[in-house]
C-alpha atoms as a PDB file:
ATOM      1  CA  MET A   1      92.307 128.170  58.826  1.00  0.00           C
ATOM      2  CA  ILE A   2      93.293 124.705  57.714  1.00  0.00           C
ATOM      3  CA  GLU A   3      91.993 123.001  54.605  1.00  0.00           C
ATOM      4  CA  ARG A   4      89.527 120.170  55.166  1.00  0.00           C
ATOM      5  CA  LYS A   5      89.263 117.129  52.921  1.00  0.00           C
ATOM      6  CA  VAL A   6      87.099 114.014  52.623  1.00  0.00           C
ATOM      7  CA  SER A   7      88.226 110.479  51.840  1.00  0.00           C
ATOM      8  CA  LEU A   8      87.424 109.225  48.342  1.00  0.00           C
ATOM      9  CA  PHE A   9      87.631 105.468  48.700  1.00  0.00           C
ATOM     10  CA  LYS A  10      88.719 102.730  51.088  1.00  0.00           C
ATOM     11  CA  SER A  11      92.313 102.766  52.262  1.00  0.00           C
ATOM     12  CA  ASP A  12      94.291  99.577  51.786  1.00  0.00           C
ATOM     13  CA  TYR A  13      97.510 100.545  53.564  1.00  0.00           C
ATOM     14  CA  MET A  14      98.483 101.122  57.189  1.00  0.00           C
ATOM     15  CA  PHE A  15     101.968 102.299  58.160  1.00  0.00           C
ATOM     16  CA  THR A  16     103.593 100.209  60.894  1.00  0.00           C
ATOM     17  CA  THR A  17     105.119 103.159  62.758  1.00  0.00           C
ATOM     18  CA  GLY A  18     103.982 103.906  66.299  1.00  0.00           C
ATOM     19  CA  ASP A  19     101.014 106.081  65.353  1.00  0.00           C
ATOM     20  CA  ILE A  20      99.837 103.500  62.770  1.00  0.00           C
ATOM     21  CA  PRO A  21      98.575 106.121  60.289  1.00  0.00           C
ATOM     22  CA  ILE A  22      96.893 105.068  57.069  1.00  0.00           C
ATOM     23  CA  LEU A  23      97.403 106.174  53.496  1.00  0.00           C
ATOM     24  CA  ILE A  24      94.233 107.756  52.151  1.00  0.00           C
ATOM     25  CA  THR A  25      93.159 109.315  48.867  1.00  0.00           C
ATOM     26  CA  CYS A  26      90.815 112.292  49.142  1.00  0.00           C
ATOM     27  CA  THR A  27      88.133 113.573  46.807  1.00  0.00           C
ATOM     28  CA  ASP A  28      90.594 115.925  45.095  1.00  0.00           C
ATOM     29  CA  LEU A  29      92.632 112.802  44.137  1.00  0.00           C
ATOM     30  CA  SER A  30      95.519 113.794  46.430  1.00  0.00           C
ATOM     31  CA  ASP A  31      97.205 111.215  48.683  1.00  0.00           C
ATOM     32  CA  TRP A  32      97.706 111.839  52.380  1.00  0.00           C
ATOM     33  CA  ILE A  33      99.306 110.190  55.375  1.00  0.00           C
ATOM     34  CA  CYS A  34      96.358 110.215  57.750  1.00  0.00           C
ATOM     35  CA  LYS A  35      96.885 110.203  61.527  1.00  0.00           C
ATOM     36  CA  HIS A  36      93.984 109.452  63.846  1.00  0.00           C
ATOM     37  CA  GLY A  37      93.445 110.286  67.508  1.00  0.00           C
ATOM     38  CA  ARG A  38      93.698 106.699  68.705  1.00  0.00           C
ATOM     39  CA  ASP A  39      94.394 107.413  72.376  1.00  0.00           C
ATOM     40  CA  SER A  40      94.488 111.203  72.519  1.00  0.00           C
ATOM     41  CA  VAL A  41      94.198 114.205  70.232  1.00  0.00           C
ATOM     42  CA  SER A  42      97.306 115.783  71.786  1.00  0.00           C
ATOM     43  CA  PRO A  43      99.681 114.282  69.171  1.00  0.00           C
ATOM     44  CA  LEU A  44      97.396 115.621  66.431  1.00  0.00           C
ATOM     45  CA  VAL A  45      97.444 119.079  68.007  1.00  0.00           C
ATOM     46  CA  ASN A  46     101.226 118.817  68.137  1.00  0.00           C
ATOM     47  CA  GLU A  47     101.298 117.916  64.451  1.00  0.00           C
ATOM     48  CA  ILE A  48      99.438 121.096  63.542  1.00  0.00           C
ATOM     49  CA  MET A  49     101.571 123.230  65.837  1.00  0.00           C
ATOM     50  CA  GLY A  50     104.858 121.705  64.685  1.00  0.00           C
ATOM     51  CA  SER A  51     104.046 122.029  61.003  1.00  0.00           C
ATOM     52  CA  SER A  52     102.789 125.592  61.420  1.00  0.00           C
ATOM     53  CA  PHE A  53     105.791 126.673  63.467  1.00  0.00           C
ATOM     54  CA  ALA A  54     108.096 125.071  60.892  1.00  0.00           C
ATOM     55  CA  GLN A  55     106.503 127.211  58.196  1.00  0.00           C
ATOM     56  CA  ASN A  56     107.127 130.324  60.282  1.00  0.00           C
ATOM     57  CA  TRP A  57     110.744 129.213  60.524  1.00  0.00           C
ATOM     58  CA  ASN A  58     110.862 128.966  56.719  1.00  0.00           C
ATOM     59  CA  LEU A  59     111.547 125.247  56.986  1.00  0.00           C
ATOM     60  CA  ARG A  60     110.209 122.979  54.290  1.00  0.00           C
ATOM     61  CA  THR A  61     107.434 120.695  55.479  1.00  0.00           C
ATOM     62  CA  PRO A  62     104.695 118.799  53.618  1.00  0.00           C
ATOM     63  CA  PRO A  63     101.303 120.522  53.300  1.00  0.00           C
ATOM     64  CA  ILE A  64      98.803 119.553  55.998  1.00  0.00           C
ATOM     65  CA  CYS A  65      95.032 119.311  56.223  1.00  0.00           C
ATOM     66  CA  LEU A  66      92.193 117.822  58.223  1.00  0.00           C
ATOM     67  CA  ILE A  67      90.590 114.691  56.812  1.00  0.00           C
ATOM     68  CA  ASP A  68      87.120 113.295  57.412  1.00  0.00           C
ATOM     69  CA  VAL A  69      87.466 109.564  56.803  1.00  0.00           C
ATOM     70  CA  LYS A  70      84.183 107.885  55.931  1.00  0.00           C
ATOM     71  CA  ALA A  71      83.369 104.764  57.937  1.00  0.00           C
ATOM     72  CA  ASP A  72      83.391 102.489  54.901  1.00  0.00           C
ATOM     73  CA  HIS A  73      86.813 103.814  53.862  1.00  0.00           C
ATOM     74  CA  ILE A  74      88.591 102.528  56.982  1.00  0.00           C
ATOM     75  CA  PRO A  75      90.729  99.464  56.207  1.00  0.00           C
ATOM     76  CA  THR A  76      89.382  96.388  57.977  1.00  0.00           C
ATOM     77  CA  GLN A  77      92.293  93.989  57.480  1.00  0.00           C
ATOM     78  CA  TYR A  78      94.282  95.566  60.319  1.00  0.00           C
ATOM     79  CA  ALA A  79      91.711  94.943  63.064  1.00  0.00           C
ATOM     80  CA  PRO A  80      91.879  94.823  66.033  1.00  0.00           C
ATOM     81  CA  ARG A  81      94.963  97.057  65.887  1.00  0.00           C
ATOM     82  CA  LEU A  82      93.057  99.608  63.835  1.00  0.00           C
ATOM     83  CA  GLN A  83      89.561 100.403  65.080  1.00  0.00           C
ATOM     84  CA  PRO A  84      86.753 102.377  63.387  1.00  0.00           C
ATOM     85  CA  PHE A  85      86.254 104.627  66.415  1.00  0.00           C
ATOM     86  CA  PHE A  86      89.773 106.008  65.886  1.00  0.00           C
ATOM     87  CA  PHE A  87      88.280 107.946  62.982  1.00  0.00           C
ATOM     88  CA  ASN A  88      85.204 109.387  64.688  1.00  0.00           C
ATOM     89  CA  LYS A  89      86.839 112.819  64.708  1.00  0.00           C
ATOM     90  CA  PRO A  90      88.711 114.672  61.958  1.00  0.00           C
ATOM     91  CA  CYS A  91      92.153 113.217  61.320  1.00  0.00           C
ATOM     92  CA  PHE A  92      95.427 115.002  60.680  1.00  0.00           C
ATOM     93  CA  GLY A  93      96.700 114.731  57.126  1.00  0.00           C
ATOM     94  CA  SER A  94     100.248 115.211  55.855  1.00  0.00           C
ATOM     95  CA  SER A  95     100.725 115.279  52.097  1.00  0.00           C
ATOM     96  CA  LEU A  96     102.531 112.297  50.605  1.00  0.00           C
ATOM     97  CA  LEU A  97     105.582 113.704  48.831  1.00  0.00           C
ATOM     98  CA  LYS A  98     105.899 111.281  45.945  1.00  0.00           C
ATOM     99  CA  GLY A  99     109.295 112.668  45.011  1.00  0.00           C
ATOM    100  CA  GLY A 100     110.560 112.372  48.561  1.00  0.00           C
ATOM    101  CA  GLN A 101     112.470 109.738  50.483  1.00  0.00           C
ATOM    102  CA  VAL A 102     112.556 109.329  54.250  1.00  0.00           C
ATOM    103  CA  ILE A 103     116.168 109.622  55.362  1.00  0.00           C
ATOM    104  CA  ASP A 104     117.517 106.562  57.161  1.00  0.00           C
ATOM    105  CA  LYS A 105     120.915 104.937  57.632  1.00  0.00           C
ATOM    106  CA  THR A 106     120.752 103.260  54.216  1.00  0.00           C
ATOM    107  CA  MET A 107     120.991 106.712  52.615  1.00  0.00           C
ATOM    108  CA  LEU A 108     124.099 107.848  54.498  1.00  0.00           C
ATOM    109  CA  PRO A 109     126.605 106.609  51.882  1.00  0.00           C
ATOM    110  CA  SER A 110     124.932 108.898  49.332  1.00  0.00           C
ATOM    111  CA  PHE A 111     125.502 111.964  51.529  1.00  0.00           C
ATOM    112  CA  ILE A 112     129.226 111.260  51.611  1.00  0.00           C
ATOM    113  CA  LYS A 113     129.478 111.847  47.861  1.00  0.00           C
ATOM    114  CA  SER A 114     130.315 115.444  46.918  1.00  0.00           C
ATOM    115  CA  SER A 115     128.170 115.246  43.785  1.00  0.00           C
ATOM    116  CA  PHE A 116     125.162 114.314  45.930  1.00  0.00           C
ATOM    117  CA  LYS A 117     125.791 116.935  48.608  1.00  0.00           C
ATOM    118  CA  ARG A 118     125.985 119.694  46.008  1.00  0.00           C
ATOM    119  CA  LYS A 119     122.391 118.977  45.027  1.00  0.00           C
ATOM    120  CA  ILE A 120     121.107 119.729  48.541  1.00  0.00           C
ATOM    121  CA  LEU A 121     120.043 123.352  48.273  1.00  0.00           C
ATOM    122  CA  ASN A 122     119.011 123.892  51.900  1.00  0.00           C
ATOM    123  CA  LYS A 123     121.833 122.034  53.644  1.00  0.00           C
ATOM    124  CA  ASN A 124     122.140 124.572  56.475  1.00  0.00           C
ATOM    125  CA  ASP A 125     118.498 123.951  57.310  1.00  0.00           C
ATOM    126  CA  LEU A 126     119.608 120.688  58.897  1.00  0.00           C
ATOM    127  CA  LEU A 127     121.231 122.614  61.751  1.00  0.00           C
ATOM    128  CA  LYS A 128     118.330 125.049  61.828  1.00  0.00           C
ATOM    129  CA  ILE A 129     115.996 122.064  62.264  1.00  0.00           C
ATOM    130  CA  ALA A 130     118.137 120.925  65.189  1.00  0.00           C
ATOM    131  CA  LEU A 131     117.636 124.286  66.924  1.00  0.00           C
ATOM    132  CA  PHE A 132     113.940 124.202  66.035  1.00  0.00           C
ATOM    133  CA  ASP A 133     113.664 120.826  67.779  1.00  0.00           C
ATOM    134  CA  ILE A 134     115.391 122.157  70.885  1.00  0.00           C
ATOM    135  CA  TRP A 135     112.959 125.075  71.048  1.00  0.00           C
ATOM    136  CA  ILE A 136     109.822 122.922  70.709  1.00  0.00           C
ATOM    137  CA  GLY A 137     111.138 120.059  72.836  1.00  0.00           C
ATOM    138  CA  ASN A 138     110.983 117.499  70.034  1.00  0.00           C
ATOM    139  CA  GLU A 139     112.166 114.184  71.466  1.00  0.00           C
ATOM    140  CA  ASP A 140     111.593 112.174  68.303  1.00  0.00           C
ATOM    141  CA  ARG A 141     114.017 113.435  65.662  1.00  0.00           C
ATOM    142  CA  HIS A 142     117.482 112.022  66.236  1.00  0.00           C
ATOM    143  CA  HIS A 143     120.161 109.616  64.976  1.00  0.00           C
ATOM    144  CA  GLY A 144     117.817 106.630  65.094  1.00  0.00           C
ATOM    145  CA  ASN A 145     114.744 108.308  63.643  1.00  0.00           C
ATOM    146  CA  SER A 146     115.359 111.323  61.429  1.00  0.00           C
ATOM    147  CA  ASN A 147     111.757 112.271  60.670  1.00  0.00           C
ATOM    148  CA  LEU A 148     113.252 113.996  57.652  1.00  0.00           C
ATOM    149  CA  ILE A 149     112.327 113.676  54.006  1.00  0.00           C
ATOM    150  CA  LEU A 150     114.749 114.457  51.219  1.00  0.00           C
ATOM    151  CA  ASP A 151     112.529 115.910  48.515  1.00  0.00           C
ATOM    152  CA  GLN A 152     113.960 115.027  45.113  1.00  0.00           C
ATOM    153  CA  THR A 153     110.972 116.098  43.032  1.00  0.00           C
ATOM    154  CA  GLN A 154     113.014 118.574  40.996  1.00  0.00           C
ATOM    155  CA  LYS A 155     115.856 117.003  39.047  1.00  0.00           C
ATOM    156  CA  GLY A 156     119.190 117.948  40.568  1.00  0.00           C
ATOM    157  CA  GLU A 157     117.579 119.921  43.413  1.00  0.00           C
ATOM    158  CA  TYR A 158     117.231 118.245  46.799  1.00  0.00           C
ATOM    159  CA  TYR A 159     115.573 119.729  49.883  1.00  0.00           C
ATOM    160  CA  PHE A 160     115.292 118.648  53.502  1.00  0.00           C
ATOM    161  CA  ASN A 161     111.678 118.517  54.730  1.00  0.00           C
ATOM    162  CA  VAL A 162     110.565 118.050  58.338  1.00  0.00           C
ATOM    163  CA  PHE A 163     107.576 115.935  59.297  1.00  0.00           C
ATOM    164  CA  ASP A 164     106.092 114.035  62.251  1.00  0.00           C
ATOM    165  CA  HIS A 165     105.816 116.407  65.203  1.00  0.00           C
ATOM    166  CA  GLY A 166     103.583 114.310  67.451  1.00  0.00           C
ATOM    167  CA  ALA A 167     106.204 114.141  70.219  1.00  0.00           C
ATOM    168  CA  ILE A 168     106.966 117.853  70.562  1.00  0.00           C
ATOM    169  CA  PHE A 169     106.622 119.771  73.825  1.00  0.00           C
ATOM    170  CA  ASN A 170     108.424 116.886  75.579  1.00  0.00           C
ATOM    171  CA  THR A 171     105.749 114.501  74.288  1.00  0.00           C
ATOM    172  CA  SER A 172     102.810 116.735  75.271  1.00  0.00           C
ATOM    173  CA  GLY A 173     104.226 117.464  78.718  1.00  0.00           C
ATOM    174  CA  LEU A 174     103.946 121.264  78.875  1.00  0.00           C
ATOM    175  CA  ARG A 175     101.842 121.105  82.028  1.00  0.00           C
ATOM    176  CA  HIS A 176     105.054 120.016  83.769  1.00  0.00           C
ATOM    177  CA  GLY A 177     107.122 122.738  82.098  1.00  0.00           C
ATOM    178  CA  ILE A 178     109.565 122.170  79.250  1.00  0.00           C
ATOM    179  CA  ASP A 179     112.995 120.570  79.360  1.00  0.00           C
ATOM    180  CA  LEU A 180     115.931 120.652  76.985  1.00  0.00           C
ATOM    181  CA  ILE A 181     116.246 117.577  74.799  1.00  0.00           C
ATOM    182  CA  THR A 182     119.315 115.440  75.384  1.00  0.00           C
ATOM    183  CA  ASP A 183     122.298 114.905  73.114  1.00  0.00           C
ATOM    184  CA  ASN A 184     120.849 111.566  71.991  1.00  0.00           C
ATOM    185  CA  GLU A 185     117.533 113.231  71.181  1.00  0.00           C
ATOM    186  CA  SER A 186     119.144 115.775  68.867  1.00  0.00           C
ATOM    187  CA  LEU A 187     120.017 115.540  65.193  1.00  0.00           C
ATOM    188  CA  ILE A 188     123.316 117.223  66.010  1.00  0.00           C
ATOM    189  CA  SER A 189     124.673 113.927  67.355  1.00  0.00           C
ATOM    190  CA  SER A 190     123.600 112.060  64.206  1.00  0.00           C
ATOM    191  CA  GLU A 191     125.974 110.693  61.601  1.00  0.00           C
ATOM    192  CA  LEU A 192     124.134 112.721  58.954  1.00  0.00           C
ATOM    193  CA  VAL A 193     125.040 116.035  60.595  1.00  0.00           C
ATOM    194  CA  LYS A 194     128.623 114.926  61.101  1.00  0.00           C
ATOM    195  CA  ILE A 195     128.912 113.974  57.427  1.00  0.00           C
ATOM    196  CA  LEU A 196     127.544 117.307  56.216  1.00  0.00           C
ATOM    197  CA  PHE A 197     129.116 119.675  58.750  1.00  0.00           C
ATOM    198  CA  GLY A 198     132.059 117.868  60.306  1.00  0.00           C
ATOM    199  CA  SER A 199     134.582 119.401  57.909  1.00  0.00           C
ATOM    200  CA  VAL A 200     133.093 122.744  56.877  1.00  0.00           C
ATOM    201  CA  ASN A 201     135.330 125.775  57.311  1.00  0.00           C
ATOM    202  CA  ASN A 202     132.586 128.299  58.077  1.00  0.00           C
ATOM    203  CA  LEU A 203     130.683 126.411  60.779  1.00  0.00           C
ATOM    204  CA  THR A 204     130.902 129.298  63.247  1.00  0.00           C
ATOM    205  CA  GLU A 205     129.364 131.664  60.707  1.00  0.00           C
ATOM    206  CA  ILE A 206     126.600 129.164  59.890  1.00  0.00           C
ATOM    207  CA  VAL A 207     125.759 128.688  63.569  1.00  0.00           C
ATOM    208  CA  ASP A 208     125.764 132.435  64.290  1.00  0.00           C
ATOM    209  CA  ASN A 209     123.415 133.089  61.368  1.00  0.00           C
ATOM    210  CA  ILE A 210     121.035 130.354  62.523  1.00  0.00           C
ATOM    211  CA  VAL A 211     120.994 131.747  66.064  1.00  0.00           C
ATOM    212  CA  GLN A 212     120.339 135.257  64.773  1.00  0.00           C
ATOM    213  CA  ASP A 213     117.449 133.922  62.703  1.00  0.00           C
ATOM    214  CA  PHE A 214     116.166 131.934  65.692  1.00  0.00           C
ATOM    215  CA  TYR A 215     114.989 135.037  67.522  1.00  0.00           C
ATOM    216  CA  LEU A 216     113.171 136.341  64.451  1.00  0.00           C
ATOM    217  CA  CYS A 217     111.510 132.970  63.857  1.00  0.00           C
ATOM    218  CA  THR A 218     110.243 132.604  67.407  1.00  0.00           C
ATOM    219  CA  GLN A 219     108.925 136.163  67.274  1.00  0.00           C
ATOM    220  CA  SER A 220     107.030 135.287  64.089  1.00  0.00           C
ATOM    221  CA  CYS A 221     105.549 132.193  65.744  1.00  0.00           C
ATOM    222  CA  GLU A 222     104.412 134.196  68.755  1.00  0.00           C
ATOM    223  CA  GLN A 223     102.822 136.861  66.571  1.00  0.00           C
ATOM    224  CA  ASP A 224     100.906 134.207  64.613  1.00  0.00           C
ATOM    225  CA  LEU A 225     100.033 132.014  67.598  1.00  0.00           C
ATOM    226  CA  ASN A 226      96.345 132.902  67.764  1.00  0.00           C
ATOM    227  CA  THR A 227      95.920 132.267  64.043  1.00  0.00           C
ATOM    228  CA  ILE A 228      97.725 128.937  64.317  1.00  0.00           C
ATOM    229  CA  LEU A 229      95.560 127.836  67.240  1.00  0.00           C
ATOM    230  CA  LEU A 230      92.456 128.464  65.139  1.00  0.00           C
ATOM    231  CA  LYS A 231      93.560 125.559  62.927  1.00  0.00           C
ATOM    232  CA  ILE A 232      92.714 123.119  65.730  1.00  0.00           C
ATOM    233  CA  PRO A 233      89.172 121.828  65.049  1.00  0.00           C
ATOM    234  CA  LEU A 234      86.416 122.193  67.619  1.00  0.00           C
ATOM    235  CA  GLU A 235      85.601 118.489  67.250  1.00  0.00           C
ATOM    236  CA  TRP A 236      88.824 117.628  69.035  1.00  0.00           C
ATOM    237  CA  ASP A 237      87.399 119.236  72.191  1.00  0.00           C
ATOM    238  CA  PHE A 238      90.849 120.515  73.139  1.00  0.00           C
ATOM    239  CA  ASN A 239      91.335 123.147  75.841  1.00  0.00           C
ATOM    240  CA  LEU A 240      92.840 125.909  73.715  1.00  0.00           C
ATOM    241  CA  ILE A 241      92.796 128.546  76.456  1.00  0.00           C
ATOM    242  CA  GLN A 242      94.909 126.418  78.775  1.00  0.00           C
ATOM    243  CA  PHE A 243      97.142 125.320  75.897  1.00  0.00           C
ATOM    244  CA  GLU A 244      97.826 128.895  74.819  1.00  0.00           C
ATOM    245  CA  ASP A 245      98.787 129.824  78.381  1.00  0.00           C
ATOM    246  CA  LEU A 246     101.170 126.853  78.563  1.00  0.00           C
ATOM    247  CA  LEU A 247     102.783 127.807  75.267  1.00  0.00           C
ATOM    248  CA  ARG A 248     103.268 131.436  76.237  1.00  0.00           C
ATOM    249  CA  ASP A 249     104.633 130.499  79.664  1.00  0.00           C
ATOM    250  CA  ASN A 250     107.037 127.831  78.430  1.00  0.00           C
ATOM    251  CA  ILE A 251     108.365 128.434  74.916  1.00  0.00           C
ATOM    252  CA  PHE A 252     107.786 132.155  74.393  1.00  0.00           C
ATOM    253  CA  ASN A 253     110.060 133.739  76.967  1.00  0.00           C
ATOM    254  CA  ASP A 254     113.589 135.143  76.993  1.00  0.00           C
ATOM    255  CA  ASP A 255     114.908 132.630  79.515  1.00  0.00           C
ATOM    256  CA  TRP A 256     113.898 129.683  77.322  1.00  0.00           C
ATOM    257  CA  TYR A 257     115.344 131.363  74.241  1.00  0.00           C
ATOM    258  CA  SER A 258     118.681 131.765  76.036  1.00  0.00           C
ATOM    259  CA  GLN A 259     118.661 128.155  77.217  1.00  0.00           C
ATOM    260  CA  CYS A 260     117.927 126.948  73.689  1.00  0.00           C
ATOM    261  CA  GLU A 261     120.724 129.006  72.160  1.00  0.00           C
ATOM    262  CA  GLN A 262     123.246 127.889  74.764  1.00  0.00           C
ATOM    263  CA  HIS A 263     122.259 124.212  74.428  1.00  0.00           C
ATOM    264  CA  PHE A 264     122.440 124.431  70.643  1.00  0.00           C
ATOM    265  CA  ARG A 265     125.927 125.906  70.765  1.00  0.00           C
ATOM    266  CA  GLU A 266     127.060 123.328  73.332  1.00  0.00           C
ATOM    267  CA  LEU A 267     125.784 120.430  71.211  1.00  0.00           C
ATOM    268  CA  ILE A 268     127.556 121.861  68.174  1.00  0.00           C
ATOM    269  CA  GLN A 269     130.756 122.241  70.195  1.00  0.00           C
ATOM    270  CA  THR A 270     130.591 118.702  71.579  1.00  0.00           C
ATOM    271  CA  ASN A 271     129.634 116.892  68.395  1.00  0.00           C
ATOM    272  CA  LEU A 272     131.260 118.912  65.619  1.00  0.00           C
ATOM    273  CA  TYR A 273     134.169 120.927  67.000  1.00  0.00           C
ATOM    274  CA  ASN A 274     135.357 118.252  69.431  1.00  0.00           C
ATOM    275  CA  LYS A 275     134.767 115.303  67.133  1.00  0.00           C
END
């Protein structure tokens, strides 16, 4: 199951990103990025699935929860863009990593420095994340929008964390099947990946190890699928039976695994070997 929390006091901050989440403090005094089901609960379902799958892939990702936001805790200064009815159902919460920094182009010069790169203890996870995104059809983690946090909580130890999975499954399009993300929709074509992997001598070994792990990770996700689906709250009134069938038909089959591996290797070849 998924932990459930309750807001403590009124939020005074709304993020200006597309989902316009709010920052909320809960009764346990923890701070959360709180996403509401403004137009549809599908992005919230995707958030739970993406975060849960990432854990099964042994990728770092912020803790998640469900949040009941009290009516008098909804910020009013952002109306009409932010409406009270957005919060009538439980919201999706992603823990605010206070020692983390969202990776954007202003950080790229830091990654060029050898002293900085040495502090990244899960560097190869960046390519693993790229394969993860291919498998789940994530169209929203790329050169223009990393949806990555560099966790610097521990002095001298940096870790990539994935977050924001609202656009997976080709932006909730599984009923139409699933398609491979494009080069421009992949982290592999980003400057960050080129900085970290463009000159490594053992790239082939790294890629082969990630691909080998890929099949174990997807197997783990499939084995835990029913448990993961139970995290989706009844209040969202989401058709779990149909959703499970779509998942099993589209992302848990040998043909899709083969397509993902081939596409991953081709993107690596195009962007890193033929740079």
